[in-house]
Amino acid sequence: MKLPPQSQLTDTKYNAILKMIDDLSINLNDIEEKFIHVGGHGGQKINKSSNTVQLKHLPTGTIVKYQKHRARAMNRILALRELLEKFNPDSKKAKEIEKVRRQKGRRKRRSIDKKENA
């Protein structure tokens, strides 16, 4: 994968993505990039163009699909940022995922305890 151009991001956000790539030591050649059609809201423009970006990190098999904007370049950058956040243990997204995982574990233990006591 080639690094997307800095089209619509500010310098600080773009530099943060570059820093994250260096910190996590991710090789951009290990990321496979596809542009796909995805239906949904947006009508004819969305259904005819391939603006949805799918990034796959080949060593881990992690896949990210992103389609929030009509601009393909913006979707590429934001998809890359989302993929990098999945690998960063200090990111808000990783902390949120861990929090939900703990909540599910507590709920499961409570339901098992209720069944045993009933």
Protein backbone atom coordinates (compact mmCIF):
# COMPACT_ATOMS: atom_id res chain seq x y z
CA MET A 1 0.00 0.00 0.00
CA LYS A 2 1.21 3.47 -0.81
CA LEU A 3 0.67 6.18 1.79
CA PRO A 4 -2.41 8.27 0.90
CA PRO A 5 -1.90 11.96 0.10
CA GLN A 6 -2.54 14.54 2.76
CA SER A 7 -5.49 15.98 0.85
CA GLN A 8 -8.00 17.05 3.49
CA LEU A 9 -6.31 16.46 6.84
CA THR A 10 -4.47 19.04 8.87
CA ASP A 11 -0.71 18.72 9.22
CA THR A 12 -0.95 17.67 12.86
CA LYS A 13 -3.38 14.82 12.15
CA TYR A 14 -1.38 13.61 9.17
CA ASN A 15 1.85 13.73 11.16
CA ALA A 16 0.13 11.83 13.98
CA ILE A 17 -0.68 9.03 11.51
CA LEU A 18 2.94 8.96 10.31
CA LYS A 19 4.16 8.85 13.92
CA MET A 20 1.76 6.01 14.72
CA ILE A 21 3.10 4.01 11.76
CA ASP A 22 6.65 4.49 13.05
CA ASP A 23 5.76 3.73 16.68
CA LEU A 24 3.94 0.53 15.83
CA SER A 25 6.61 -0.35 13.23
CA ILE A 26 4.04 -1.37 10.67
CA ASN A 27 5.22 -1.97 7.13
CA LEU A 28 2.83 -0.41 4.62
CA ASN A 29 3.66 -3.21 2.17
CA ASP A 30 1.89 -5.62 4.56
CA ILE A 31 -1.40 -3.78 4.06
CA GLU A 32 -3.61 -4.79 1.15
CA GLU A 33 -5.96 -2.11 -0.14
CA LYS A 34 -9.21 -2.63 -2.10
CA PHE A 35 -11.85 -0.22 -3.30
CA ILE A 36 -15.30 -1.80 -3.33
CA HIS A 37 -18.91 -0.95 -4.06
CA VAL A 38 -21.11 -0.83 -1.00
CA GLY A 39 -24.79 -0.03 -1.15
CA GLY A 40 -26.77 1.97 1.30
CA HIS A 41 -27.81 5.57 1.67
CA GLY A 42 -26.47 8.00 -0.88
CA GLY A 43 -28.32 6.86 -3.97
CA GLN A 44 -26.81 6.49 -7.39
CA LYS A 45 -23.43 8.06 -6.60
CA ILE A 46 -22.66 5.56 -3.83
CA ASN A 47 -23.92 2.57 -5.80
CA LYS A 48 -21.91 3.38 -8.95
CA SER A 49 -18.56 4.42 -7.51
CA SER A 50 -15.99 2.46 -5.52
CA ASN A 51 -15.42 4.85 -2.65
CA THR A 52 -15.42 2.28 0.12
CA VAL A 53 -11.92 1.38 1.24
CA GLN A 54 -11.09 -2.05 2.61
CA LEU A 55 -7.70 -2.44 4.25
CA LYS A 56 -6.36 -5.83 5.28
CA HIS A 57 -3.23 -6.27 7.37
CA LEU A 58 -1.85 -9.49 5.89
CA PRO A 59 0.23 -10.81 8.85
CA THR A 60 -2.67 -10.57 11.32
CA GLY A 61 -5.67 -10.81 8.97
CA THR A 62 -7.26 -7.69 10.49
CA ILE A 63 -9.76 -6.06 8.12
CA VAL A 64 -11.15 -2.52 8.20
CA LYS A 65 -13.86 -1.20 5.89
CA TYR A 66 -14.48 2.52 5.78
CA GLN A 67 -17.10 4.57 3.95
CA LYS A 68 -18.04 7.76 5.76
CA HIS A 69 -17.18 10.29 3.08
CA ARG A 70 -17.79 10.51 -0.64
CA ALA A 71 -14.13 11.28 -1.28
CA ARG A 72 -11.99 8.19 -1.76
CA ALA A 73 -8.80 9.93 -0.58
CA MET A 74 -10.40 10.91 2.73
CA ASN A 75 -11.73 7.37 3.23
CA ARG A 76 -8.24 5.95 2.59
CA ILE A 77 -6.63 8.10 5.27
CA LEU A 78 -9.34 7.50 7.84
CA ALA A 79 -9.37 3.74 7.17
CA LEU A 80 -5.61 3.65 7.71
CA ARG A 81 -5.99 5.56 10.97
CA GLU A 82 -8.69 3.16 12.15
CA LEU A 83 -6.53 0.15 11.27
CA LEU A 84 -3.58 1.61 13.18
CA GLU A 85 -5.77 2.30 16.21
CA LYS A 86 -6.65 -1.39 16.36
CA PHE A 87 -2.97 -2.20 16.86
CA ASN A 88 -2.25 0.61 19.31
CA PRO A 89 -2.93 -0.58 22.88
CA ASP A 90 -3.08 3.01 24.17
CA SER A 91 -5.79 4.21 21.80
CA LYS A 92 -9.30 5.11 22.92
CA LYS A 93 -10.79 2.50 20.61
CA ALA A 94 -8.70 -0.32 22.12
CA LYS A 95 -9.65 0.79 25.63
CA GLU A 96 -13.33 0.88 24.67
CA ILE A 97 -13.14 -2.63 23.22
CA GLU A 98 -11.48 -3.92 26.40
CA LYS A 99 -14.15 -2.21 28.53
CA VAL A 100 -16.96 -3.88 26.57
CA ARG A 101 -15.16 -7.23 26.81
CA ARG A 102 -14.99 -6.91 30.61
CA GLN A 103 -18.67 -5.91 30.81
CA LYS A 104 -19.69 -8.97 28.80
CA GLY A 105 -17.64 -11.20 31.10
CA ARG A 106 -19.33 -9.75 34.19
CA ARG A 107 -22.79 -10.20 32.65
CA LYS A 108 -22.02 -13.79 31.76
CA ARG A 109 -20.81 -14.59 35.28
CA ARG A 110 -23.92 -12.97 36.78
CA SER A 111 -26.26 -14.95 34.54
CA ILE A 112 -24.47 -18.20 35.43
CA ASP A 113 -24.69 -17.34 39.16
CA LYS A 114 -28.42 -16.61 38.84
CA LYS A 115 -29.03 -19.94 37.10
CA GLU A 116 -27.12 -21.84 39.78
CA ASN A 117 -28.97 -20.11 42.64
CA ALA A 118 -32.41 -20.63 41.08
